[in-house]
PDB file of all heavy atoms in Angstrom:
ATOM      1  N   LEU A   1     100.149  85.408 115.558  1.00  0.00           N
ATOM      2  CA  LEU A   1      99.343  86.490 114.950  1.00  0.00           C
ATOM      3  C   LEU A   1     100.136  86.995 113.771  1.00  0.00           C
ATOM      4  O   LEU A   1     101.254  87.428 113.868  1.00  0.00           O
ATOM      5  CB  LEU A   1      99.152  87.600 115.959  1.00  0.00           C
ATOM      6  CG  LEU A   1      98.314  88.846 115.463  1.00  0.00           C
ATOM      7  CD1 LEU A   1      96.940  88.456 115.080  1.00  0.00           C
ATOM      8  CD2 LEU A   1      98.381  89.953 116.473  1.00  0.00           C
ATOM      9  N   LEU A   2      99.481  86.961 112.558  1.00  0.00           N
ATOM     10  CA  LEU A   2     100.072  87.436 111.395  1.00  0.00           C
ATOM     11  C   LEU A   2      99.498  88.862 111.046  1.00  0.00           C
ATOM     12  O   LEU A   2      98.343  89.166 111.215  1.00  0.00           O
ATOM     13  CB  LEU A   2      99.727  86.502 110.215  1.00  0.00           C
ATOM     14  CG  LEU A   2     100.073  85.064 110.400  1.00  0.00           C
ATOM     15  CD1 LEU A   2      99.615  84.270 109.093  1.00  0.00           C
ATOM     16  CD2 LEU A   2     101.502  84.841 110.673  1.00  0.00           C
ATOM     17  N   THR A   3     100.428  89.680 110.535  1.00  0.00           N
ATOM     18  CA  THR A   3     100.079  91.054 110.078  1.00  0.00           C
ATOM     19  C   THR A   3     100.950  91.365 108.892  1.00  0.00           C
ATOM     20  O   THR A   3     102.139  90.987 108.788  1.00  0.00           O
ATOM     21  CB  THR A   3     100.246  92.065 111.205  1.00  0.00           C
ATOM     22  OG1 THR A   3      99.720  93.347 110.754  1.00  0.00           O
ATOM     23  CG2 THR A   3     101.672  92.264 111.643  1.00  0.00           C
ATOM     24  N   ARG A   4     100.303  92.031 107.893  1.00  0.00           N
ATOM     25  CA  ARG A   4     100.993  92.236 106.610  1.00  0.00           C
ATOM     26  C   ARG A   4     101.768  93.502 106.605  1.00  0.00           C
ATOM     27  O   ARG A   4     101.345  94.536 106.981  1.00  0.00           O
ATOM     28  CB  ARG A   4      99.954  92.269 105.474  1.00  0.00           C
ATOM     29  CG  ARG A   4     100.495  92.435 104.123  1.00  0.00           C
ATOM     30  CD  ARG A   4      99.467  92.228 103.067  1.00  0.00           C
ATOM     31  NE  ARG A   4      98.352  93.032 103.170  1.00  0.00           N
ATOM     32  CZ  ARG A   4      98.214  94.267 102.594  1.00  0.00           C
ATOM     33  NH1 ARG A   4      99.248  94.711 101.868  1.00  0.00           N
ATOM     34  NH2 ARG A   4      97.125  94.956 102.708  1.00  0.00           N
ATOM     35  N   TYR A   5     103.010  93.394 106.118  1.00  0.00           N
ATOM     36  CA  TYR A   5     103.881  94.569 105.908  1.00  0.00           C
ATOM     37  C   TYR A   5     103.153  95.598 104.964  1.00  0.00           C
ATOM     38  O   TYR A   5     102.586  95.172 103.949  1.00  0.00           O
ATOM     39  CB  TYR A   5     105.211  94.109 105.247  1.00  0.00           C
ATOM     40  CG  TYR A   5     106.109  95.249 104.962  1.00  0.00           C
ATOM     41  CD1 TYR A   5     106.999  95.712 105.989  1.00  0.00           C
ATOM     42  CD2 TYR A   5     106.177  95.894 103.772  1.00  0.00           C
ATOM     43  CE1 TYR A   5     107.874  96.770 105.741  1.00  0.00           C
ATOM     44  CE2 TYR A   5     107.062  96.945 103.537  1.00  0.00           C
ATOM     45  CZ  TYR A   5     107.885  97.377 104.528  1.00  0.00           C
ATOM     46  OH  TYR A   5     108.784  98.401 104.277  1.00  0.00           O
ATOM     47  N   GLY A   6     103.155  96.812 105.329  1.00  0.00           N
ATOM     48  CA  GLY A   6     102.429  97.810 104.504  1.00  0.00           C
ATOM     49  C   GLY A   6     101.042  98.055 104.960  1.00  0.00           C
ATOM     50  O   GLY A   6     100.408  99.017 104.555  1.00  0.00           O
ATOM     51  N   ASN A   7     100.506  97.162 105.767  1.00  0.00           N
ATOM     52  CA  ASN A   7      99.154  97.282 106.329  1.00  0.00           C
ATOM     53  C   ASN A   7      99.060  96.658 107.705  1.00  0.00           C
ATOM     54  O   ASN A   7      98.248  95.686 107.908  1.00  0.00           O
ATOM     55  CB  ASN A   7      98.062  96.729 105.401  1.00  0.00           C
ATOM     56  CG  ASN A   7      96.625  97.017 105.808  1.00  0.00           C
ATOM     57  OD1 ASN A   7      96.390  98.149 106.346  1.00  0.00           O
ATOM     58  ND2 ASN A   7      95.688  96.123 105.495  1.00  0.00           N
ATOM     59  N   LEU A   8      99.884  97.087 108.577  1.00  0.00           N
ATOM     60  CA  LEU A   8      99.985  96.593 109.913  1.00  0.00           C
ATOM     61  C   LEU A   8      98.639  96.817 110.638  1.00  0.00           C
ATOM     62  O   LEU A   8      97.921  97.800 110.399  1.00  0.00           O
ATOM     63  CB  LEU A   8     101.098  97.206 110.766  1.00  0.00           C
ATOM     64  CG  LEU A   8     102.511  97.121 110.142  1.00  0.00           C
ATOM     65  CD1 LEU A   8     103.503  97.982 110.991  1.00  0.00           C
ATOM     66  CD2 LEU A   8     102.939  95.668 110.105  1.00  0.00           C
ATOM     67  N   TYR A   9      98.294  95.920 111.473  1.00  0.00           N
ATOM     68  CA  TYR A   9      97.019  96.002 112.238  1.00  0.00           C
ATOM     69  C   TYR A   9      96.873  97.249 113.056  1.00  0.00           C
ATOM     70  O   TYR A   9      95.801  97.824 113.197  1.00  0.00           O
ATOM     71  CB  TYR A   9      96.699  94.763 113.089  1.00  0.00           C
ATOM     72  CG  TYR A   9      97.615  94.567 114.279  1.00  0.00           C
ATOM     73  CD1 TYR A   9      97.541  95.297 115.393  1.00  0.00           C
ATOM     74  CD2 TYR A   9      98.740  93.667 114.142  1.00  0.00           C
ATOM     75  CE1 TYR A   9      98.478  95.110 116.478  1.00  0.00           C
ATOM     76  CE2 TYR A   9      99.598  93.481 115.163  1.00  0.00           C
ATOM     77  CZ  TYR A   9      99.387  94.180 116.333  1.00  0.00           C
ATOM     78  OH  TYR A   9     100.269  93.955 117.360  1.00  0.00           O
ATOM     79  N   VAL A  10      98.020  97.773 113.499  1.00  0.00           N
ATOM     80  CA  VAL A  10      97.926  99.094 114.249  1.00  0.00           C
ATOM     81  C   VAL A  10      97.586 100.235 113.451  1.00  0.00           C
ATOM     82  O   VAL A  10      97.109 101.257 113.980  1.00  0.00           O
ATOM     83  CB  VAL A  10      99.343  99.351 114.948  1.00  0.00           C
ATOM     84  CG1 VAL A  10      99.600  98.293 115.996  1.00  0.00           C
ATOM     85  CG2 VAL A  10     100.455  99.323 113.919  1.00  0.00           C
ATOM     86  N   ASP A  11      97.687 100.094 112.121  1.00  0.00           N
ATOM     87  CA  ASP A  11      97.339 101.240 111.184  1.00  0.00           C
ATOM     88  C   ASP A  11      95.954 101.054 110.601  1.00  0.00           C
ATOM     89  O   ASP A  11      95.478 101.896 109.786  1.00  0.00           O
ATOM     90  CB  ASP A  11      98.308 101.331 110.068  1.00  0.00           C
ATOM     91  CG  ASP A  11      99.719 101.646 110.595  1.00  0.00           C
ATOM     92  OD1 ASP A  11      99.878 102.439 111.551  1.00  0.00           O
ATOM     93  OD2 ASP A  11     100.662 101.124 109.906  1.00  0.00           O
ATOM     94  N   ASP A  12      95.212  99.956 110.978  1.00  0.00           N
ATOM     95  CA  ASP A  12      93.942  99.614 110.372  1.00  0.00           C
ATOM     96  C   ASP A  12      92.759 100.116 111.199  1.00  0.00           C
ATOM     97  O   ASP A  12      92.993 100.631 112.343  1.00  0.00           O
ATOM     98  CB  ASP A  12      93.937  98.056 110.088  1.00  0.00           C
ATOM     99  CG  ASP A  12      93.081  97.769 108.884  1.00  0.00           C
ATOM    100  OD1 ASP A  12      92.255  98.615 108.462  1.00  0.00           O
ATOM    101  OD2 ASP A  12      93.285  96.628 108.428  1.00  0.00           O
ATOM    102  N   TRP A  13      91.601  99.843 110.717  1.00  0.00           N
ATOM    103  CA  TRP A  13      90.322 100.220 111.387  1.00  0.00           C
ATOM    104  C   TRP A  13      89.320  99.170 111.177  1.00  0.00           C
ATOM    105  O   TRP A  13      89.450  98.315 110.306  1.00  0.00           O
ATOM    106  CB  TRP A  13      89.807 101.596 110.892  1.00  0.00           C
ATOM    107  CG  TRP A  13      88.661 102.061 111.682  1.00  0.00           C
ATOM    108  CD1 TRP A  13      87.334 102.220 111.271  1.00  0.00           C
ATOM    109  CD2 TRP A  13      88.635 102.485 113.047  1.00  0.00           C
ATOM    110  NE1 TRP A  13      86.536 102.666 112.275  1.00  0.00           N
ATOM    111  CE2 TRP A  13      87.284 102.905 113.418  1.00  0.00           C
ATOM    112  CE3 TRP A  13      89.610 102.672 113.985  1.00  0.00           C
ATOM    113  CZ2 TRP A  13      86.895 103.400 114.671  1.00  0.00           C
ATOM    114  CZ3 TRP A  13      89.277 103.140 115.372  1.00  0.00           C
ATOM    115  CH2 TRP A  13      87.960 103.473 115.620  1.00  0.00           C
ATOM    116  N   TYR A  14      88.207  99.202 111.961  1.00  0.00           N
ATOM    117  CA  TYR A  14      87.218  98.191 111.916  1.00  0.00           C
ATOM    118  C   TYR A  14      86.423  98.147 110.573  1.00  0.00           C
ATOM    119  O   TYR A  14      86.286  99.104 109.852  1.00  0.00           O
ATOM    120  CB  TYR A  14      86.156  98.317 113.026  1.00  0.00           C
ATOM    121  CG  TYR A  14      86.733  98.197 114.442  1.00  0.00           C
ATOM    122  CD1 TYR A  14      86.913  99.272 115.253  1.00  0.00           C
ATOM    123  CD2 TYR A  14      87.092  96.965 114.886  1.00  0.00           C
ATOM    124  CE1 TYR A  14      87.436  99.161 116.491  1.00  0.00           C
ATOM    125  CE2 TYR A  14      87.640  96.805 116.125  1.00  0.00           C
ATOM    126  CZ  TYR A  14      87.776  97.892 116.954  1.00  0.00           C
ATOM    127  OH  TYR A  14      88.344  97.716 118.204  1.00  0.00           O
ATOM    128  N   LEU A  15      85.965  96.957 110.282  1.00  0.00           N
ATOM    129  CA  LEU A  15      85.015  96.764 109.169  1.00  0.00           C
ATOM    130  C   LEU A  15      83.783  97.608 109.316  1.00  0.00           C
ATOM    131  O   LEU A  15      83.400  97.790 110.420  1.00  0.00           O
ATOM    132  CB  LEU A  15      84.628  95.283 109.013  1.00  0.00           C
ATOM    133  CG  LEU A  15      85.694  94.341 108.588  1.00  0.00           C
ATOM    134  CD1 LEU A  15      85.259  92.868 108.845  1.00  0.00           C
ATOM    135  CD2 LEU A  15      86.034  94.530 107.092  1.00  0.00           C
ATOM    136  N   PRO A  16      83.171  98.124 108.247  1.00  0.00           N
ATOM    137  CA  PRO A  16      83.567  98.081 106.860  1.00  0.00           C
ATOM    138  C   PRO A  16      84.498  99.110 106.354  1.00  0.00           C
ATOM    139  O   PRO A  16      84.939  99.122 105.239  1.00  0.00           O
ATOM    140  CB  PRO A  16      82.270  98.106 106.133  1.00  0.00           C
ATOM    141  CG  PRO A  16      81.373  98.951 107.026  1.00  0.00           C
ATOM    142  CD  PRO A  16      81.805  98.654 108.407  1.00  0.00           C
ATOM    143  N   THR A  17      84.789 100.117 107.291  1.00  0.00           N
ATOM    144  CA  THR A  17      85.684 101.184 106.846  1.00  0.00           C
ATOM    145  C   THR A  17      87.065 100.715 106.573  1.00  0.00           C
ATOM    146  O   THR A  17      87.764 101.065 105.700  1.00  0.00           O
ATOM    147  CB  THR A  17      85.682 102.375 107.883  1.00  0.00           C
ATOM    148  OG1 THR A  17      84.365 102.890 107.938  1.00  0.00           O
ATOM    149  CG2 THR A  17      86.669 103.457 107.517  1.00  0.00           C
ATOM    150  N   GLY A  18      87.574  99.839 107.529  1.00  0.00           N
ATOM    151  CA  GLY A  18      88.878  99.227 107.410  1.00  0.00           C
ATOM    152  C   GLY A  18      88.732  97.731 107.149  1.00  0.00           C
ATOM    153  O   GLY A  18      87.653  97.234 106.752  1.00  0.00           O
ATOM    154  N   ASP A  19      89.781  96.961 107.551  1.00  0.00           N
ATOM    155  CA  ASP A  19      89.819  95.537 107.324  1.00  0.00           C
ATOM    156  C   ASP A  19      89.828  94.762 108.662  1.00  0.00           C
ATOM    157  O   ASP A  19      89.863  93.491 108.627  1.00  0.00           O
ATOM    158  CB  ASP A  19      91.045  95.113 106.514  1.00  0.00           C
ATOM    159  CG  ASP A  19      90.933  95.512 105.064  1.00  0.00           C
ATOM    160  OD1 ASP A  19      89.782  95.527 104.563  1.00  0.00           O
ATOM    161  OD2 ASP A  19      91.963  95.842 104.487  1.00  0.00           O
ATOM    162  N   LEU A  20      89.783  95.461 109.796  1.00  0.00           N
ATOM    163  CA  LEU A  20      89.836  94.742 111.047  1.00  0.00           C
ATOM    164  C   LEU A  20      88.567  94.059 111.456  1.00  0.00           C
ATOM    165  O   LEU A  20      87.452  94.736 111.337  1.00  0.00           O
ATOM    166  CB  LEU A  20      90.180  95.752 112.202  1.00  0.00           C
ATOM    167  CG  LEU A  20      91.631  96.235 112.266  1.00  0.00           C
ATOM    168  CD1 LEU A  20      91.847  97.162 113.486  1.00  0.00           C
ATOM    169  CD2 LEU A  20      92.660  95.086 112.333  1.00  0.00           C
ATOM    170  N   ARG A  21      88.626  92.830 111.844  1.00  0.00           N
ATOM    171  CA  ARG A  21      87.470  92.069 112.296  1.00  0.00           C
ATOM    172  C   ARG A  21      87.590  91.833 113.860  1.00  0.00           C
ATOM    173  O   ARG A  21      86.675  91.228 114.434  1.00  0.00           O
ATOM    174  CB  ARG A  21      87.363  90.738 111.569  1.00  0.00           C
ATOM    175  CG  ARG A  21      88.595  89.871 111.718  1.00  0.00           C
ATOM    176  CD  ARG A  21      88.382  88.535 111.006  1.00  0.00           C
ATOM    177  NE  ARG A  21      89.564  87.707 110.906  1.00  0.00           N
ATOM    178  CZ  ARG A  21      89.625  86.495 110.459  1.00  0.00           C
ATOM    179  NH1 ARG A  21      88.542  85.901 109.995  1.00  0.00           N
ATOM    180  NH2 ARG A  21      90.827  85.848 110.455  1.00  0.00           N
ATOM    181  N   ASP A  22      88.677  92.250 114.479  1.00  0.00           N
ATOM    182  CA  ASP A  22      88.854  92.098 115.845  1.00  0.00           C
ATOM    183  C   ASP A  22      89.589  93.353 116.344  1.00  0.00           C
ATOM    184  O   ASP A  22      90.203  94.102 115.608  1.00  0.00           O
ATOM    185  CB  ASP A  22      89.608  90.865 116.192  1.00  0.00           C
ATOM    186  CG  ASP A  22      89.305  90.298 117.600  1.00  0.00           C
ATOM    187  OD1 ASP A  22      88.760  91.025 118.398  1.00  0.00           O
ATOM    188  OD2 ASP A  22      89.614  89.111 117.830  1.00  0.00           O
ATOM    189  N   SER A  23      89.615  93.540 117.677  1.00  0.00           N
ATOM    190  CA  SER A  23      90.268  94.681 118.276  1.00  0.00           C
ATOM    191  C   SER A  23      91.744  94.658 118.212  1.00  0.00           C
ATOM    192  O   SER A  23      92.363  93.504 118.423  1.00  0.00           O
ATOM    193  CB  SER A  23      89.744  94.840 119.714  1.00  0.00           C
ATOM    194  OG  SER A  23      90.577  95.822 120.396  1.00  0.00           O
ATOM    195  N   LYS A  24      92.421  95.716 118.017  1.00  0.00           N
ATOM    196  CA  LYS A  24      93.905  95.847 118.002  1.00  0.00           C
ATOM    197  C   LYS A  24      94.397  95.383 119.401  1.00  0.00           C
ATOM    198  O   LYS A  24      95.485  94.866 119.529  1.00  0.00           O
ATOM    199  CB  LYS A  24      94.361  97.225 117.744  1.00  0.00           C
ATOM    200  CG  LYS A  24      93.926  97.765 116.390  1.00  0.00           C
ATOM    201  CD  LYS A  24      94.338  99.229 116.206  1.00  0.00           C
ATOM    202  CE  LYS A  24      93.712  99.867 115.017  1.00  0.00           C
ATOM    203  NZ  LYS A  24      94.129 101.246 114.845  1.00  0.00           N
ATOM    204  N   ARG A  25      93.625  95.634 120.427  1.00  0.00           N
ATOM    205  CA  ARG A  25      94.068  95.282 121.773  1.00  0.00           C
ATOM    206  C   ARG A  25      94.242  93.778 121.918  1.00  0.00           C
ATOM    207  O   ARG A  25      94.994  93.338 122.792  1.00  0.00           O
ATOM    208  CB  ARG A  25      92.989  95.694 122.807  1.00  0.00           C
ATOM    209  CG  ARG A  25      92.803  97.190 122.894  1.00  0.00           C
ATOM    210  CD  ARG A  25      91.770  97.564 124.042  1.00  0.00           C
ATOM    211  NE  ARG A  25      91.526  98.984 124.145  1.00  0.00           N
ATOM    212  CZ  ARG A  25      90.641  99.470 124.935  1.00  0.00           C
ATOM    213  NH1 ARG A  25      89.956  98.685 125.768  1.00  0.00           N
ATOM    214  NH2 ARG A  25      90.492 100.764 124.971  1.00  0.00           N
ATOM    215  N   GLU A  26      93.552  92.959 121.137  1.00  0.00           N
ATOM    216  CA  GLU A  26      93.583  91.532 121.273  1.00  0.00           C
ATOM    217  C   GLU A  26      94.917  90.992 120.806  1.00  0.00           C
ATOM    218  O   GLU A  26      95.220  89.760 121.017  1.00  0.00           O
ATOM    219  CB  GLU A  26      92.491  90.862 120.459  1.00  0.00           C
ATOM    220  CG  GLU A  26      91.082  91.237 121.038  1.00  0.00           C
ATOM    221  CD  GLU A  26      90.989  90.943 122.529  1.00  0.00           C
ATOM    222  OE1 GLU A  26      91.260  89.861 122.941  1.00  0.00           O
ATOM    223  OE2 GLU A  26      90.677  91.903 123.207  1.00  0.00           O
ATOM    224  N   ALA A  27      95.789  91.851 120.232  1.00  0.00           N
ATOM    225  CA  ALA A  27      97.158  91.345 119.865  1.00  0.00           C
ATOM    226  C   ALA A  27      97.861  90.906 121.103  1.00  0.00           C
ATOM    227  O   ALA A  27      98.867  90.163 121.064  1.00  0.00           O
ATOM    228  CB  ALA A  27      97.896  92.441 119.145  1.00  0.00           C
ATOM    229  N   LYS A  28      97.451  91.394 122.295  1.00  0.00           N
ATOM    230  CA  LYS A  28      98.078  91.017 123.537  1.00  0.00           C
ATOM    231  C   LYS A  28      98.046  89.507 123.794  1.00  0.00           C
ATOM    232  O   LYS A  28      98.828  88.918 124.586  1.00  0.00           O
ATOM    233  CB  LYS A  28      97.475  91.705 124.743  1.00  0.00           C
ATOM    234  CG  LYS A  28      95.963  91.383 125.054  1.00  0.00           C
ATOM    235  CD  LYS A  28      95.463  92.161 126.221  1.00  0.00           C
ATOM    236  CE  LYS A  28      94.029  91.702 126.598  1.00  0.00           C
ATOM    237  NZ  LYS A  28      93.074  92.092 125.556  1.00  0.00           N
ATOM    238  N   ARG A  29      97.072  88.786 123.173  1.00  0.00           N
ATOM    239  CA  ARG A  29      96.901  87.354 123.400  1.00  0.00           C
ATOM    240  C   ARG A  29      97.903  86.520 122.590  1.00  0.00           C
ATOM    241  O   ARG A  29      97.967  85.361 122.711  1.00  0.00           O
ATOM    242  CB  ARG A  29      95.482  86.928 123.078  1.00  0.00           C
ATOM    243  CG  ARG A  29      94.444  87.500 124.060  1.00  0.00           C
ATOM    244  CD  ARG A  29      93.063  86.833 123.807  1.00  0.00           C
ATOM    245  NE  ARG A  29      92.409  87.321 122.646  1.00  0.00           N
ATOM    246  CZ  ARG A  29      92.312  86.670 121.474  1.00  0.00           C
ATOM    247  NH1 ARG A  29      92.790  85.426 121.385  1.00  0.00           N
ATOM    248  NH2 ARG A  29      91.615  87.155 120.446  1.00  0.00           N
ATOM    249  N   ALA A  30      98.606  87.158 121.648  1.00  0.00           N
ATOM    250  CA  ALA A  30      99.559  86.434 120.797  1.00  0.00           C
ATOM    251  C   ALA A  30     100.852  86.149 121.501  1.00  0.00           C
ATOM    252  O   ALA A  30     101.252  86.963 122.321  1.00  0.00           O
ATOM    253  CB  ALA A  30      99.817  87.248 119.530  1.00  0.00           C
ATOM    254  N   ASP A  31     101.398  85.046 121.260  1.00  0.00           N
ATOM    255  CA  ASP A  31     102.749  84.667 121.768  1.00  0.00           C
ATOM    256  C   ASP A  31     103.820  85.119 120.766  1.00  0.00           C
ATOM    257  O   ASP A  31     104.996  85.383 121.259  1.00  0.00           O
ATOM    258  CB  ASP A  31     102.850  83.196 122.011  1.00  0.00           C
ATOM    259  CG  ASP A  31     101.815  82.675 123.065  1.00  0.00           C
ATOM    260  OD1 ASP A  31     101.966  83.020 124.293  1.00  0.00           O
ATOM    261  OD2 ASP A  31     100.797  82.037 122.662  1.00  0.00           O
ATOM    262  N   CYS A  32     103.418  85.206 119.577  1.00  0.00           N
ATOM    263  CA  CYS A  32     104.407  85.599 118.537  1.00  0.00           C
ATOM    264  C   CYS A  32     103.640  86.407 117.554  1.00  0.00           C
ATOM    265  O   CYS A  32     102.559  86.003 117.053  1.00  0.00           O
ATOM    266  CB  CYS A  32     105.005  84.330 117.961  1.00  0.00           C
ATOM    267  SG  CYS A  32     106.129  84.591 116.533  1.00  0.00           S
ATOM    268  N   ILE A  33     104.310  87.483 117.060  1.00  0.00           N
ATOM    269  CA  ILE A  33     103.665  88.275 115.938  1.00  0.00           C
ATOM    270  C   ILE A  33     104.636  88.221 114.754  1.00  0.00           C
ATOM    271  O   ILE A  33     105.842  88.469 114.856  1.00  0.00           O
ATOM    272  CB  ILE A  33     103.585  89.780 116.368  1.00  0.00           C
ATOM    273  CG1 ILE A  33     102.677  89.877 117.621  1.00  0.00           C
ATOM    274  CG2 ILE A  33     103.017  90.580 115.251  1.00  0.00           C
ATOM    275  CD1 ILE A  33     102.621  91.233 118.244  1.00  0.00           C
ATOM    276  N   ILE A  34     104.050  87.761 113.634  1.00  0.00           N
ATOM    277  CA  ILE A  34     104.872  87.667 112.377  1.00  0.00           C
ATOM    278  C   ILE A  34     104.453  88.670 111.372  1.00  0.00           C
ATOM    279  O   ILE A  34     103.263  88.718 110.984  1.00  0.00           O
ATOM    280  CB  ILE A  34     104.755  86.228 111.796  1.00  0.00           C
ATOM    281  CG1 ILE A  34     105.275  85.223 112.804  1.00  0.00           C
ATOM    282  CG2 ILE A  34     105.571  86.170 110.514  1.00  0.00           C
ATOM    283  CD1 ILE A  34     105.205  83.747 112.248  1.00  0.00           C
ATOM    284  N   VAL A  35     105.341  89.497 110.945  1.00  0.00           N
ATOM    285  CA  VAL A  35     105.024  90.519 109.887  1.00  0.00           C
ATOM    286  C   VAL A  35     105.386  89.814 108.527  1.00  0.00           C
ATOM    287  O   VAL A  35     106.526  89.473 108.266  1.00  0.00           O
ATOM    288  CB  VAL A  35     105.887  91.755 110.046  1.00  0.00           C
ATOM    289  CG1 VAL A  35     105.584  92.784 108.997  1.00  0.00           C
ATOM    290  CG2 VAL A  35     105.778  92.360 111.457  1.00  0.00           C
ATOM    291  N   THR A  36     104.326  89.609 107.775  1.00  0.00           N
ATOM    292  CA  THR A  36     104.426  88.788 106.543  1.00  0.00           C
ATOM    293  C   THR A  36     104.605  89.710 105.266  1.00  0.00           C
ATOM    294  O   THR A  36     104.305  90.926 105.381  1.00  0.00           O
ATOM    295  CB  THR A  36     103.279  87.886 106.316  1.00  0.00           C
ATOM    296  OG1 THR A  36     102.076  88.678 106.192  1.00  0.00           O
ATOM    297  CG2 THR A  36     103.074  86.936 107.531  1.00  0.00           C
ATOM    298  N   LYS A  37     104.990  89.066 104.232  1.00  0.00           N
ATOM    299  CA  LYS A  37     105.068  89.768 102.898  1.00  0.00           C
ATOM    300  C   LYS A  37     106.012  90.942 102.914  1.00  0.00           C
ATOM    301  O   LYS A  37     105.753  91.980 102.290  1.00  0.00           O
ATOM    302  CB  LYS A  37     103.698  90.162 102.373  1.00  0.00           C
ATOM    303  CG  LYS A  37     102.749  88.965 102.279  1.00  0.00           C
ATOM    304  CD  LYS A  37     101.439  89.388 101.638  1.00  0.00           C
ATOM    305  CE  LYS A  37     100.480  88.166 101.533  1.00  0.00           C
ATOM    306  NZ  LYS A  37      99.212  88.464 100.839  1.00  0.00           N
ATOM    307  N   CYS A  38     107.072  90.818 103.705  1.00  0.00           N
ATOM    308  CA  CYS A  38     108.091  91.879 103.803  1.00  0.00           C
ATOM    309  C   CYS A  38     108.912  91.850 102.514  1.00  0.00           C
ATOM    310  O   CYS A  38     109.092  90.862 101.888  1.00  0.00           O
ATOM    311  CB  CYS A  38     109.035  91.638 104.955  1.00  0.00           C
ATOM    312  SG  CYS A  38     108.245  91.781 106.588  1.00  0.00           S
ATOM    313  N   PRO A  39     109.528  93.044 102.136  1.00  0.00           N
ATOM    314  CA  PRO A  39     110.508  93.033 101.069  1.00  0.00           C
ATOM    315  C   PRO A  39     111.693  92.250 101.405  1.00  0.00           C
ATOM    316  O   PRO A  39     112.033  92.084 102.604  1.00  0.00           O
ATOM    317  CB  PRO A  39     110.806  94.568 100.971  1.00  0.00           C
ATOM    318  CG  PRO A  39     109.728  95.285 101.671  1.00  0.00           C
ATOM    319  CD  PRO A  39     109.236  94.364 102.739  1.00  0.00           C
ATOM    320  N   LYS A  40     112.343  91.733 100.393  1.00  0.00           N
ATOM    321  CA  LYS A  40     113.625  91.028 100.646  1.00  0.00           C
ATOM    322  C   LYS A  40     114.640  91.996 101.244  1.00  0.00           C
ATOM    323  O   LYS A  40     114.652  93.185 100.877  1.00  0.00           O
ATOM    324  CB  LYS A  40     114.113  90.370  99.386  1.00  0.00           C
ATOM    325  CG  LYS A  40     113.249  89.167  98.966  1.00  0.00           C
ATOM    326  CD  LYS A  40     113.871  88.445  97.780  1.00  0.00           C
ATOM    327  CE  LYS A  40     113.085  87.187  97.369  1.00  0.00           C
ATOM    328  NZ  LYS A  40     113.612  86.470  96.231  1.00  0.00           N
ATOM    329  N   ASN A  41     115.557  91.496 102.014  1.00  0.00           N
ATOM    330  CA  ASN A  41     116.628  92.368 102.559  1.00  0.00           C
ATOM    331  C   ASN A  41     116.118  93.522 103.348  1.00  0.00           C
ATOM    332  O   ASN A  41     116.614  94.633 103.254  1.00  0.00           O
ATOM    333  CB  ASN A  41     117.586  92.814 101.417  1.00  0.00           C
ATOM    334  CG  ASN A  41     118.191  91.651 100.674  1.00  0.00           C
ATOM    335  OD1 ASN A  41     118.577  90.674 101.182  1.00  0.00           O
ATOM    336  ND2 ASN A  41     118.128  91.780  99.313  1.00  0.00           N
ATOM    337  N   LEU A  42     115.098  93.266 104.118  1.00  0.00           N
ATOM    338  CA  LEU A  42     114.484  94.327 104.981  1.00  0.00           C
ATOM    339  C   LEU A  42     115.547  94.774 105.977  1.00  0.00           C
ATOM    340  O   LEU A  42     116.172  93.994 106.651  1.00  0.00           O
ATOM    341  CB  LEU A  42     113.267  93.742 105.728  1.00  0.00           C
ATOM    342  CG  LEU A  42     112.406  94.761 106.479  1.00  0.00           C
ATOM    343  CD1 LEU A  42     111.717  95.724 105.487  1.00  0.00           C
ATOM    344  CD2 LEU A  42     111.352  94.054 107.343  1.00  0.00           C
ATOM    345  N   SER A  43     115.777  96.086 105.993  1.00  0.00           N
ATOM    346  CA  SER A  43     116.844  96.629 106.862  1.00  0.00           C
ATOM    347  C   SER A  43     116.542  96.527 108.357  1.00  0.00           C
ATOM    348  O   SER A  43     115.356  96.463 108.760  1.00  0.00           O
ATOM    349  CB  SER A  43     117.122  98.125 106.547  1.00  0.00           C
ATOM    350  OG  SER A  43     115.950  98.931 106.933  1.00  0.00           O
TER     351      SER A  43
END
């Protein structure tokens, strides 16, 4: 499951008000969560 740095799925809302097309709860089905587009040298 991919989620973008600066707009994590936990901070989002459903379409069309937000960008979510699926429930945040469904993250439980992921085996691995990758936070993408992070700044270099993230602390």
